[in-house]
């Protein structure tokens, strides 16, 4: 397995973990457990950002084009209506 594939697999794994933490946190009644899960999620997010920076630097990941002002305004108006 080459480095690019390992970085991609790592990012996919971290993103999956973030989804699971996002599902667990609101379902937890125990305040201490909820806080611990939030701390773990935050550490996971920092790891994801670090791996993302590495992937960008090495050219393994090219982000999508930035949204135009019109696209941002449209999404903002749709979300504010609900």
C-alpha atoms as a PDB file:
ATOM      1  CA  UNK A   1       0.000   0.000   0.000  1.00  0.00           C
ATOM      2  CA  UNK A   2       1.433   3.384  -0.925  1.00  0.00           C
ATOM      3  CA  UNK A   3       1.511   6.504   1.218  1.00  0.00           C
ATOM      4  CA  UNK A   4      -1.305   8.243  -0.663  1.00  0.00           C
ATOM      5  CA  UNK A   5      -3.648   5.291  -0.067  1.00  0.00           C
ATOM      6  CA  UNK A   6      -2.692   5.159   3.611  1.00  0.00           C
ATOM      7  CA  UNK A   7      -3.431   8.868   4.041  1.00  0.00           C
ATOM      8  CA  UNK A   8      -6.781   8.483   2.272  1.00  0.00           C
ATOM      9  CA  UNK A   9      -7.677   5.466   4.431  1.00  0.00           C
ATOM     10  CA  UNK A  10      -6.692   7.349   7.573  1.00  0.00           C
ATOM     11  CA  UNK A  11      -8.860  10.338   6.632  1.00  0.00           C
ATOM     12  CA  UNK A  12     -11.799   8.070   5.823  1.00  0.00           C
ATOM     13  CA  UNK A  13     -11.421   6.305   9.157  1.00  0.00           C
ATOM     14  CA  UNK A  14     -11.219   9.536  11.128  1.00  0.00           C
ATOM     15  CA  UNK A  15     -14.228  10.950   9.300  1.00  0.00           C
ATOM     16  CA  UNK A  16     -16.184   7.820  10.187  1.00  0.00           C
ATOM     17  CA  UNK A  17     -15.208   8.199  13.841  1.00  0.00           C
ATOM     18  CA  UNK A  18     -16.378  11.811  13.810  1.00  0.00           C
ATOM     19  CA  UNK A  19     -19.762  10.724  12.475  1.00  0.00           C
ATOM     20  CA  UNK A  20     -20.096   8.127  15.229  1.00  0.00           C
ATOM     21  CA  UNK A  21     -19.173  10.632  17.957  1.00  0.00           C
ATOM     22  CA  UNK A  22     -21.738  13.019  16.492  1.00  0.00           C
ATOM     23  CA  UNK A  23     -24.350  10.301  16.862  1.00  0.00           C
ATOM     24  CA  UNK A  24     -23.331   9.203  20.369  1.00  0.00           C
ATOM     25  CA  UNK A  25     -22.973  12.569  22.093  1.00  0.00           C
ATOM     26  CA  UNK A  26     -26.615  13.727  21.881  1.00  0.00           C
ATOM     27  CA  UNK A  27     -27.853  10.257  22.907  1.00  0.00           C
ATOM     28  CA  UNK A  28     -25.817  10.162  26.117  1.00  0.00           C
ATOM     29  CA  UNK A  29     -27.540  11.172  29.349  1.00  0.00           C
ATOM     30  CA  UNK A  30     -24.472  10.861  31.572  1.00  0.00           C
ATOM     31  CA  UNK A  31     -22.898  14.347  31.676  1.00  0.00           C
ATOM     32  CA  UNK A  32     -19.404  13.056  32.442  1.00  0.00           C
ATOM     33  CA  UNK A  33     -19.515  10.570  29.565  1.00  0.00           C
ATOM     34  CA  UNK A  34     -20.894  13.268  27.257  1.00  0.00           C
ATOM     35  CA  UNK A  35     -17.988  15.580  28.172  1.00  0.00           C
ATOM     36  CA  UNK A  36     -15.458  12.788  27.657  1.00  0.00           C
ATOM     37  CA  UNK A  37     -16.914  11.970  24.235  1.00  0.00           C
ATOM     38  CA  UNK A  38     -16.741  15.653  23.281  1.00  0.00           C
ATOM     39  CA  UNK A  39     -13.078  15.789  24.300  1.00  0.00           C
ATOM     40  CA  UNK A  40     -12.298  12.670  22.278  1.00  0.00           C
ATOM     41  CA  UNK A  41     -14.222  14.101  19.308  1.00  0.00           C
ATOM     42  CA  UNK A  42     -12.223  17.342  19.539  1.00  0.00           C
ATOM     43  CA  UNK A  43      -8.940  15.404  19.562  1.00  0.00           C
ATOM     44  CA  UNK A  44     -10.184  13.408  16.595  1.00  0.00           C
ATOM     45  CA  UNK A  45     -11.005  16.640  14.738  1.00  0.00           C
ATOM     46  CA  UNK A  46      -7.504  17.961  15.401  1.00  0.00           C
ATOM     47  CA  UNK A  47      -6.040  14.721  14.016  1.00  0.00           C
ATOM     48  CA  UNK A  48      -8.260  14.991  10.954  1.00  0.00           C
ATOM     49  CA  UNK A  49      -7.081  18.565  10.343  1.00  0.00           C
ATOM     50  CA  UNK A  50      -3.440  17.524  10.686  1.00  0.00           C
ATOM     51  CA  UNK A  51      -3.795  14.608   8.269  1.00  0.00           C
ATOM     52  CA  UNK A  52      -5.746  16.861   5.898  1.00  0.00           C
ATOM     53  CA  UNK A  53      -2.891  19.420   5.923  1.00  0.00           C
ATOM     54  CA  UNK A  54      -0.393  16.663   5.168  1.00  0.00           C
ATOM     55  CA  UNK A  55      -2.569  15.378   2.314  1.00  0.00           C
ATOM     56  CA  UNK A  56      -2.886  18.896   0.849  1.00  0.00           C
ATOM     57  CA  UNK A  57       0.847  19.562   1.155  1.00  0.00           C
ATOM     58  CA  UNK A  58       1.753  16.326  -0.612  1.00  0.00           C
ATOM     59  CA  UNK A  59      -0.878  16.864  -3.309  1.00  0.00           C
ATOM     60  CA  UNK A  60      -2.885  13.806  -2.252  1.00  0.00           C
ATOM     61  CA  UNK A  61      -6.039  15.846  -1.760  1.00  0.00           C
ATOM     62  CA  UNK A  62      -7.393  18.683  -3.850  1.00  0.00           C
ATOM     63  CA  UNK A  63     -10.424  20.398  -2.301  1.00  0.00           C
ATOM     64  CA  UNK A  64     -13.480  21.346  -4.284  1.00  0.00           C
ATOM     65  CA  UNK A  65     -13.689  24.855  -5.685  1.00  0.00           C
ATOM     66  CA  UNK A  66     -14.874  27.507  -3.256  1.00  0.00           C
ATOM     67  CA  UNK A  67     -18.544  28.400  -3.354  1.00  0.00           C
ATOM     68  CA  UNK A  68     -19.488  31.630  -5.075  1.00  0.00           C
ATOM     69  CA  UNK A  69     -21.144  34.456  -3.148  1.00  0.00           C
ATOM     70  CA  UNK A  70     -24.420  33.625  -4.891  1.00  0.00           C
ATOM     71  CA  UNK A  71     -24.221  29.974  -3.803  1.00  0.00           C
ATOM     72  CA  UNK A  72     -23.502  30.959  -0.217  1.00  0.00           C
ATOM     73  CA  UNK A  73     -26.366  33.460  -0.212  1.00  0.00           C
ATOM     74  CA  UNK A  74     -28.734  30.875  -1.667  1.00  0.00           C
ATOM     75  CA  UNK A  75     -27.887  28.250   0.968  1.00  0.00           C
ATOM     76  CA  UNK A  76     -28.124  30.869   3.705  1.00  0.00           C
ATOM     77  CA  UNK A  77     -31.608  31.914   2.540  1.00  0.00           C
ATOM     78  CA  UNK A  78     -32.806  28.295   2.260  1.00  0.00           C
ATOM     79  CA  UNK A  79     -31.564  27.458   5.762  1.00  0.00           C
ATOM     80  CA  UNK A  80     -32.957  30.612   7.345  1.00  0.00           C
ATOM     81  CA  UNK A  81     -36.442  29.860   5.999  1.00  0.00           C
ATOM     82  CA  UNK A  82     -36.678  26.565   7.901  1.00  0.00           C
END
